[in-house]
Amino acid sequence: MDKTLLCALVVAFFYWIKQVYFGYTLWELTAEVFPQCLAIGLIYGDVPKAMIIGAGISLMYLGINAPGGQLPADKYIATAIAVPLAMQTNMKAGVAIALAVPLAMIGAQLLNLKKVLQVGACSYRRKAS
């Protein structure tokens, strides 16, 4: 299996686990940056570089609070995109961490858009029933 496809499947699995909240069995284990970076580093064969990038992303978003459930920035989507991209293109850690900032902001806005669309769909379903 190609490294890129394997990495995409692993990253998708970690992001799915982060989103579903079915109990707290796997969520506490996988809903952090480091397990995802470890898996990406193992796939690409450079665990130290992946963990350095993950540590930088994690430190940047350490103090973020989500008041009312609205994330100001989504560190998980930033990790899911910035770390594999840095590993594939041999990007320096500082550049990858700088790339993670706008990705986290875009990810948070996409999450807000998803919530708005789901509320609209609930209203439509209620009218249809």
Foldseek 3Di string as FASTA:
>chain_A
DDLVVVLLVLLVVLVVLCPPCPDCPCNVVRVALLVNLCVNCVSLVHSVQSVLLSVLLCVVCVPFDQVPNQGQFASSQLSSPLSNVCSVVVNHSVVSNVSSVVRRNVVSVVVVVVVVVVVVVVVVVVVVD
